[in-house]
């Protein structure tokens, strides 16, 4: 936000639609669920939990990459 203010490019954007709003709501929820999973499964089954967490991390990065490259 500070960069947008400094560059003078902070203007009202058109509504992105329901899909974008759902994405913005579900990504933080996913982070909370991942943290809960890590807290409950890592102490009991560290190898299996680490594999699942690695897959979740790759999925999260893939979604962020899609959003980044779509807005280039």
PDB file of N, CA and C in Angstrom:
ATOM      1  N   UNK A   1       0.812  -1.173   0.000  1.00  0.00           N
ATOM      2  CA  UNK A   1       0.000   0.000   0.000  1.00  0.00           C
ATOM      3  C   UNK A   1       0.872   1.260   0.000  1.00  0.00           C
ATOM      4  N   UNK A   2       1.938   1.211   0.775  1.00  0.00           N
ATOM      5  CA  UNK A   2       2.825   2.370   0.821  1.00  0.00           C
ATOM      6  C   UNK A   2       3.484   2.615  -0.525  1.00  0.00           C
ATOM      7  N   UNK A   3       3.837   1.560  -1.234  1.00  0.00           N
ATOM      8  CA  UNK A   3       4.439   1.712  -2.561  1.00  0.00           C
ATOM      9  C   UNK A   3       3.430   2.331  -3.513  1.00  0.00           C
ATOM     10  N   UNK A   4       2.172   1.894  -3.432  1.00  0.00           N
ATOM     11  CA  UNK A   4       1.126   2.456  -4.286  1.00  0.00           C
ATOM     12  C   UNK A   4       0.911   3.934  -4.024  1.00  0.00           C
ATOM     13  N   UNK A   5       0.960   4.319  -2.760  1.00  0.00           N
ATOM     14  CA  UNK A   5       0.820   5.732  -2.418  1.00  0.00           C
ATOM     15  C   UNK A   5       2.012   6.528  -2.934  1.00  0.00           C
ATOM     16  N   UNK A   6       3.212   5.992  -2.758  1.00  0.00           N
ATOM     17  CA  UNK A   6       4.421   6.700  -3.188  1.00  0.00           C
ATOM     18  C   UNK A   6       4.463   6.864  -4.704  1.00  0.00           C
ATOM     19  N   UNK A   7       3.998   5.863  -5.438  1.00  0.00           N
ATOM     20  CA  UNK A   7       4.021   5.937  -6.899  1.00  0.00           C
ATOM     21  C   UNK A   7       2.814   6.673  -7.468  1.00  0.00           C
ATOM     22  N   UNK A   8       1.821   6.911  -6.630  1.00  0.00           N
ATOM     23  CA  UNK A   8       0.608   7.564  -7.107  1.00  0.00           C
ATOM     24  C   UNK A   8      -0.275   6.664  -7.925  1.00  0.00           C
ATOM     25  N   UNK A   9      -0.144   5.355  -7.755  1.00  0.00           N
ATOM     26  CA  UNK A   9      -0.933   4.401  -8.538  1.00  0.00           C
ATOM     27  C   UNK A   9      -2.058   3.774  -7.726  1.00  0.00           C
ATOM     28  N   UNK A  10      -2.314   4.293  -6.548  1.00  0.00           N
ATOM     29  CA  UNK A  10      -3.350   3.735  -5.693  1.00  0.00           C
ATOM     30  C   UNK A  10      -4.697   4.309  -6.118  1.00  0.00           C
ATOM     31  N   UNK A  11      -5.405   3.575  -6.959  1.00  0.00           N
ATOM     32  CA  UNK A  11      -6.720   4.003  -7.448  1.00  0.00           C
ATOM     33  C   UNK A  11      -7.725   2.894  -7.189  1.00  0.00           C
ATOM     34  N   UNK A  12      -8.984   3.246  -7.214  1.00  0.00           N
ATOM     35  CA  UNK A  12     -10.039   2.256  -6.999  1.00  0.00           C
ATOM     36  C   UNK A  12     -10.059   1.281  -8.178  1.00  0.00           C
ATOM     37  N   UNK A  13     -10.023   0.004  -7.854  1.00  0.00           N
ATOM     38  CA  UNK A  13     -10.039  -1.046  -8.859  1.00  0.00           C
ATOM     39  C   UNK A  13     -11.461  -1.561  -9.045  1.00  0.00           C
ATOM     40  N   UNK A  14     -11.790  -2.059 -10.230  1.00  0.00           N
ATOM     41  CA  UNK A  14     -13.109  -2.669 -10.418  1.00  0.00           C
ATOM     42  C   UNK A  14     -13.216  -3.944  -9.597  1.00  0.00           C
ATOM     43  N   UNK A  15     -14.434  -4.321  -9.269  1.00  0.00           N
ATOM     44  CA  UNK A  15     -14.660  -5.518  -8.476  1.00  0.00           C
ATOM     45  C   UNK A  15     -14.129  -6.745  -9.219  1.00  0.00           C
ATOM     46  N   UNK A  16     -13.423  -7.608  -8.502  1.00  0.00           N
ATOM     47  CA  UNK A  16     -12.793  -8.773  -9.119  1.00  0.00           C
ATOM     48  C   UNK A  16     -13.731  -9.963  -9.231  1.00  0.00           C
ATOM     49  N   UNK A  17     -14.846  -9.935  -8.546  1.00  0.00           N
ATOM     50  CA  UNK A  17     -15.812 -11.019  -8.657  1.00  0.00           C
ATOM     51  C   UNK A  17     -15.781 -11.950  -7.457  1.00  0.00           C
ATOM     52  N   UNK A  18     -16.728 -12.872  -7.458  1.00  0.00           N
ATOM     53  CA  UNK A  18     -16.903 -13.785  -6.335  1.00  0.00           C
ATOM     54  C   UNK A  18     -15.716 -14.733  -6.172  1.00  0.00           C
ATOM     55  N   UNK A  19     -15.141 -15.184  -7.273  1.00  0.00           N
ATOM     56  CA  UNK A  19     -14.023 -16.130  -7.187  1.00  0.00           C
ATOM     57  C   UNK A  19     -12.830 -15.504  -6.470  1.00  0.00           C
ATOM     58  N   UNK A  20     -12.538 -14.262  -6.763  1.00  0.00           N
ATOM     59  CA  UNK A  20     -11.413 -13.589  -6.105  1.00  0.00           C
ATOM     60  C   UNK A  20     -11.692 -13.388  -4.620  1.00  0.00           C
ATOM     61  N   UNK A  21     -12.927 -13.061  -4.282  1.00  0.00           N
ATOM     62  CA  UNK A  21     -13.274 -12.874  -2.880  1.00  0.00           C
ATOM     63  C   UNK A  21     -13.187 -14.189  -2.110  1.00  0.00           C
ATOM     64  N   UNK A  22     -13.646 -15.277  -2.720  1.00  0.00           N
ATOM     65  CA  UNK A  22     -13.529 -16.580  -2.070  1.00  0.00           C
ATOM     66  C   UNK A  22     -12.067 -16.964  -1.873  1.00  0.00           C
ATOM     67  N   UNK A  23     -11.236 -16.696  -2.876  1.00  0.00           N
ATOM     68  CA  UNK A  23      -9.812 -16.969  -2.761  1.00  0.00           C
ATOM     69  C   UNK A  23      -9.216 -16.208  -1.583  1.00  0.00           C
ATOM     70  N   UNK A  24      -9.562 -14.932  -1.466  1.00  0.00           N
ATOM     71  CA  UNK A  24      -9.024 -14.092  -0.399  1.00  0.00           C
ATOM     72  C   UNK A  24      -9.496 -14.560   0.969  1.00  0.00           C
ATOM     73  N   UNK A  25     -10.663 -15.143   1.057  1.00  0.00           N
ATOM     74  CA  UNK A  25     -11.160 -15.651   2.334  1.00  0.00           C
ATOM     75  C   UNK A  25     -10.601 -17.035   2.665  1.00  0.00           C
ATOM     76  N   UNK A  26     -10.463 -17.880   1.668  1.00  0.00           N
ATOM     77  CA  UNK A  26     -10.068 -19.264   1.924  1.00  0.00           C
ATOM     78  C   UNK A  26      -8.570 -19.461   2.134  1.00  0.00           C
ATOM     79  N   UNK A  27      -7.728 -18.604   1.576  1.00  0.00           N
ATOM     80  CA  UNK A  27      -6.292 -18.776   1.774  1.00  0.00           C
ATOM     81  C   UNK A  27      -5.882 -18.628   3.244  1.00  0.00           C
ATOM     82  N   UNK A  28      -6.339 -17.611   3.969  1.00  0.00           N
ATOM     83  CA  UNK A  28      -5.985 -17.552   5.403  1.00  0.00           C
ATOM     84  C   UNK A  28      -6.576 -18.712   6.200  1.00  0.00           C
ATOM     85  N   UNK A  29      -7.768 -19.170   5.826  1.00  0.00           N
ATOM     86  CA  UNK A  29      -8.365 -20.322   6.506  1.00  0.00           C
ATOM     87  C   UNK A  29      -7.494 -21.555   6.291  1.00  0.00           C
ATOM     88  N   UNK A  30      -6.975 -21.703   5.081  1.00  0.00           N
ATOM     89  CA  UNK A  30      -6.097 -22.833   4.790  1.00  0.00           C
ATOM     90  C   UNK A  30      -4.836 -22.780   5.654  1.00  0.00           C
ATOM     91  N   UNK A  31      -4.279 -21.598   5.863  1.00  0.00           N
ATOM     92  CA  UNK A  31      -3.087 -21.476   6.707  1.00  0.00           C
ATOM     93  C   UNK A  31      -3.381 -21.897   8.150  1.00  0.00           C
ATOM     94  N   UNK A  32      -4.553 -21.539   8.649  1.00  0.00           N
ATOM     95  CA  UNK A  32      -4.935 -21.950  10.003  1.00  0.00           C
ATOM     96  C   UNK A  32      -5.077 -23.466  10.078  1.00  0.00           C
ATOM     97  N   UNK A  33      -5.690 -24.066   9.077  1.00  0.00           N
ATOM     98  CA  UNK A  33      -5.843 -25.524   9.067  1.00  0.00           C
ATOM     99  C   UNK A  33      -4.493 -26.232   8.954  1.00  0.00           C
ATOM    100  N   UNK A  34      -3.587 -25.683   8.187  1.00  0.00           N
ATOM    101  CA  UNK A  34      -2.247 -26.270   8.072  1.00  0.00           C
ATOM    102  C   UNK A  34      -1.527 -26.193   9.418  1.00  0.00           C
ATOM    103  N   UNK A  35      -1.655 -25.065  10.098  1.00  0.00           N
ATOM    104  CA  UNK A  35      -1.021 -24.926  11.416  1.00  0.00           C
ATOM    105  C   UNK A  35      -1.620 -25.915  12.416  1.00  0.00           C
ATOM    106  N   UNK A  36      -2.930 -26.089  12.384  1.00  0.00           N
ATOM    107  CA  UNK A  36      -3.577 -27.067  13.271  1.00  0.00           C
ATOM    108  C   UNK A  36      -3.088 -28.482  12.949  1.00  0.00           C
ATOM    109  N   UNK A  37      -3.017 -28.826  11.671  1.00  0.00           N
ATOM    110  CA  UNK A  37      -2.532 -30.141  11.262  1.00  0.00           C
ATOM    111  C   UNK A  37      -1.100 -30.359  11.748  1.00  0.00           C
ATOM    112  N   UNK A  38      -0.255 -29.351  11.555  1.00  0.00           N
ATOM    113  CA  UNK A  38       1.148 -29.477  11.973  1.00  0.00           C
ATOM    114  C   UNK A  38       1.246 -29.672  13.478  1.00  0.00           C
ATOM    115  N   UNK A  39       0.464 -28.934  14.236  1.00  0.00           N
ATOM    116  CA  UNK A  39       0.520 -29.066  15.689  1.00  0.00           C
ATOM    117  C   UNK A  39       0.018 -30.386  16.200  1.00  0.00           C
ATOM    118  N   UNK A  40      -0.957 -30.973  15.515  1.00  0.00           N
ATOM    119  CA  UNK A  40      -1.518 -32.222  16.011  1.00  0.00           C
ATOM    120  C   UNK A  40      -0.830 -33.466  15.453  1.00  0.00           C
ATOM    121  N   UNK A  41      -0.288 -33.410  14.251  1.00  0.00           N
ATOM    122  CA  UNK A  41       0.293 -34.597  13.640  1.00  0.00           C
ATOM    123  C   UNK A  41       1.815 -34.673  13.705  1.00  0.00           C
ATOM    124  N   UNK A  42       2.501 -33.564  13.716  1.00  0.00           N
ATOM    125  CA  UNK A  42       3.964 -33.626  13.753  1.00  0.00           C
ATOM    126  C   UNK A  42       4.513 -34.362  14.974  1.00  0.00           C
ATOM    127  N   UNK A  43       3.963 -34.160  16.164  1.00  0.00           N
ATOM    128  CA  UNK A  43       4.505 -34.907  17.305  1.00  0.00           C
ATOM    129  C   UNK A  43       4.258 -36.420  17.211  1.00  0.00           C
ATOM    130  N   UNK A  44       3.145 -36.827  16.595  1.00  0.00           N
ATOM    131  CA  UNK A  44       2.791 -38.250  16.553  1.00  0.00           C
ATOM    132  C   UNK A  44       3.417 -38.993  15.383  1.00  0.00           C
ATOM    133  N   UNK A  45       3.336 -38.434  14.188  1.00  0.00           N
ATOM    134  CA  UNK A  45       3.849 -39.088  12.986  1.00  0.00           C
ATOM    135  C   UNK A  45       4.662 -38.079  12.179  1.00  0.00           C
ATOM    136  N   UNK A  46       5.893 -37.793  12.583  1.00  0.00           N
ATOM    137  CA  UNK A  46       6.652 -36.710  11.952  1.00  0.00           C
ATOM    138  C   UNK A  46       6.950 -36.920  10.467  1.00  0.00           C
ATOM    139  N   UNK A  47       7.251 -38.137  10.053  1.00  0.00           N
ATOM    140  CA  UNK A  47       7.599 -38.350   8.637  1.00  0.00           C
ATOM    141  C   UNK A  47       6.394 -38.147   7.727  1.00  0.00           C
ATOM    142  N   UNK A  48       5.282 -38.764   8.083  1.00  0.00           N
ATOM    143  CA  UNK A  48       4.071 -38.615   7.268  1.00  0.00           C
ATOM    144  C   UNK A  48       3.579 -37.176   7.270  1.00  0.00           C
ATOM    145  N   UNK A  49       3.609 -36.542   8.431  1.00  0.00           N
ATOM    146  CA  UNK A  49       3.135 -35.163   8.533  1.00  0.00           C
ATOM    147  C   UNK A  49       4.034 -34.219   7.743  1.00  0.00           C
ATOM    148  N   UNK A  50       5.332 -34.443   7.767  1.00  0.00           N
ATOM    149  CA  UNK A  50       6.251 -33.586   7.017  1.00  0.00           C
ATOM    150  C   UNK A  50       5.991 -33.700   5.512  1.00  0.00           C
ATOM    151  N   UNK A  51       5.672 -34.902   5.042  1.00  0.00           N
ATOM    152  CA  UNK A  51       5.356 -35.090   3.628  1.00  0.00           C
ATOM    153  C   UNK A  51       4.090 -34.325   3.253  1.00  0.00           C
ATOM    154  N   UNK A  52       3.058 -34.437   4.073  1.00  0.00           N
ATOM    155  CA  UNK A  52       1.806 -33.726   3.799  1.00  0.00           C
ATOM    156  C   UNK A  52       2.033 -32.218   3.852  1.00  0.00           C
ATOM    157  N   UNK A  53       2.800 -31.748   4.813  1.00  0.00           N
ATOM    158  CA  UNK A  53       3.073 -30.313   4.916  1.00  0.00           C
ATOM    159  C   UNK A  53       3.884 -29.811   3.723  1.00  0.00           C
ATOM    160  N   UNK A  54       4.803 -30.624   3.237  1.00  0.00           N
ATOM    161  CA  UNK A  54       5.566 -30.236   2.048  1.00  0.00           C
ATOM    162  C   UNK A  54       4.650 -30.122   0.834  1.00  0.00           C
ATOM    163  N   UNK A  55       3.722 -31.052   0.681  1.00  0.00           N
ATOM    164  CA  UNK A  55       2.770 -30.989  -0.425  1.00  0.00           C
ATOM    165  C   UNK A  55       1.856 -29.767  -0.289  1.00  0.00           C
ATOM    166  N   UNK A  56       1.420 -29.481   0.925  1.00  0.00           N
ATOM    167  CA  UNK A  56       0.589 -28.298   1.151  1.00  0.00           C
ATOM    168  C   UNK A  56       1.369 -27.027   0.812  1.00  0.00           C
ATOM    169  N   UNK A  57       2.624 -26.983   1.202  1.00  0.00           N
ATOM    170  CA  UNK A  57       3.459 -25.819   0.907  1.00  0.00           C
ATOM    171  C   UNK A  57       3.640 -25.619  -0.593  1.00  0.00           C
ATOM    172  N   UNK A  58       3.865 -26.714  -1.313  1.00  0.00           N
ATOM    173  CA  UNK A  58       4.005 -26.604  -2.766  1.00  0.00           C
ATOM    174  C   UNK A  58       2.703 -26.154  -3.417  1.00  0.00           C
ATOM    175  N   UNK A  59       1.584 -26.652  -2.917  1.00  0.00           N
ATOM    176  CA  UNK A  59       0.291 -26.213  -3.442  1.00  0.00           C
ATOM    177  C   UNK A  59       0.047 -24.740  -3.180  1.00  0.00           C
ATOM    178  N   UNK A  60       0.401 -24.287  -1.989  1.00  0.00           N
ATOM    179  CA  UNK A  60       0.239 -22.881  -1.633  1.00  0.00           C
ATOM    180  C   UNK A  60       1.102 -21.993  -2.532  1.00  0.00           C
ATOM    181  N   UNK A  61       2.343 -22.400  -2.750  1.00  0.00           N
ATOM    182  CA  UNK A  61       3.227 -21.629  -3.623  1.00  0.00           C
ATOM    183  C   UNK A  61       2.746 -21.638  -5.074  1.00  0.00           C
ATOM    184  N   UNK A  62       2.162 -22.756  -5.508  1.00  0.00           N
ATOM    185  CA  UNK A  62       1.641 -22.828  -6.873  1.00  0.00           C
ATOM    186  C   UNK A  62       0.484 -21.854  -7.066  1.00  0.00           C
ATOM    187  N   UNK A  63      -0.398 -21.761  -6.076  1.00  0.00           N
ATOM    188  CA  UNK A  63      -1.522 -20.828  -6.174  1.00  0.00           C
ATOM    189  C   UNK A  63      -1.019 -19.394  -6.179  1.00  0.00           C
ATOM    190  N   UNK A  64      -0.058 -19.085  -5.323  1.00  0.00           N
ATOM    191  CA  UNK A  64       0.490 -17.733  -5.296  1.00  0.00           C
ATOM    192  C   UNK A  64       1.201 -17.395  -6.610  1.00  0.00           C
ATOM    193  N   UNK A  65       1.864 -18.379  -7.201  1.00  0.00           N
ATOM    194  CA  UNK A  65       2.546 -18.152  -8.479  1.00  0.00           C
ATOM    195  C   UNK A  65       1.535 -17.864  -9.582  1.00  0.00           C
ATOM    196  N   UNK A  66       0.418 -18.562  -9.569  1.00  0.00           N
ATOM    197  CA  UNK A  66      -0.626 -18.324 -10.583  1.00  0.00           C
ATOM    198  C   UNK A  66      -1.139 -16.894 -10.457  1.00  0.00           C
ATOM    199  N   UNK A  67      -1.411 -16.474  -9.242  1.00  0.00           N
ATOM    200  CA  UNK A  67      -1.907 -15.111  -9.021  1.00  0.00           C
ATOM    201  C   UNK A  67      -0.851 -14.095  -9.461  1.00  0.00           C
ATOM    202  N   UNK A  68       0.396 -14.348  -9.120  1.00  0.00           N
ATOM    203  CA  UNK A  68       1.476 -13.408  -9.478  1.00  0.00           C
ATOM    204  C   UNK A  68       1.615 -13.287 -11.000  1.00  0.00           C
ATOM    205  N   UNK A  69       1.701 -14.414 -11.684  1.00  0.00           N
ATOM    206  CA  UNK A  69       1.944 -14.369 -13.126  1.00  0.00           C
ATOM    207  C   UNK A  69       0.717 -13.910 -13.902  1.00  0.00           C
ATOM    208  N   UNK A  70      -0.467 -14.030 -13.341  1.00  0.00           N
ATOM    209  CA  UNK A  70      -1.661 -13.526 -14.001  1.00  0.00           C
ATOM    210  C   UNK A  70      -1.713 -12.016 -14.001  1.00  0.00           C
ATOM    211  N   UNK A  71      -1.067 -11.399 -13.024  1.00  0.00           N
ATOM    212  CA  UNK A  71      -1.117  -9.949 -12.901  1.00  0.00           C
ATOM    213  C   UNK A  71       0.121  -9.259 -13.457  1.00  0.00           C
ATOM    214  N   UNK A  72       0.938  -9.957 -14.208  1.00  0.00           N
ATOM    215  CA  UNK A  72       2.102  -9.321 -14.834  1.00  0.00           C
ATOM    216  C   UNK A  72       1.730  -8.500 -16.024  1.00  0.00           C
TER     217      UNK A  72
END
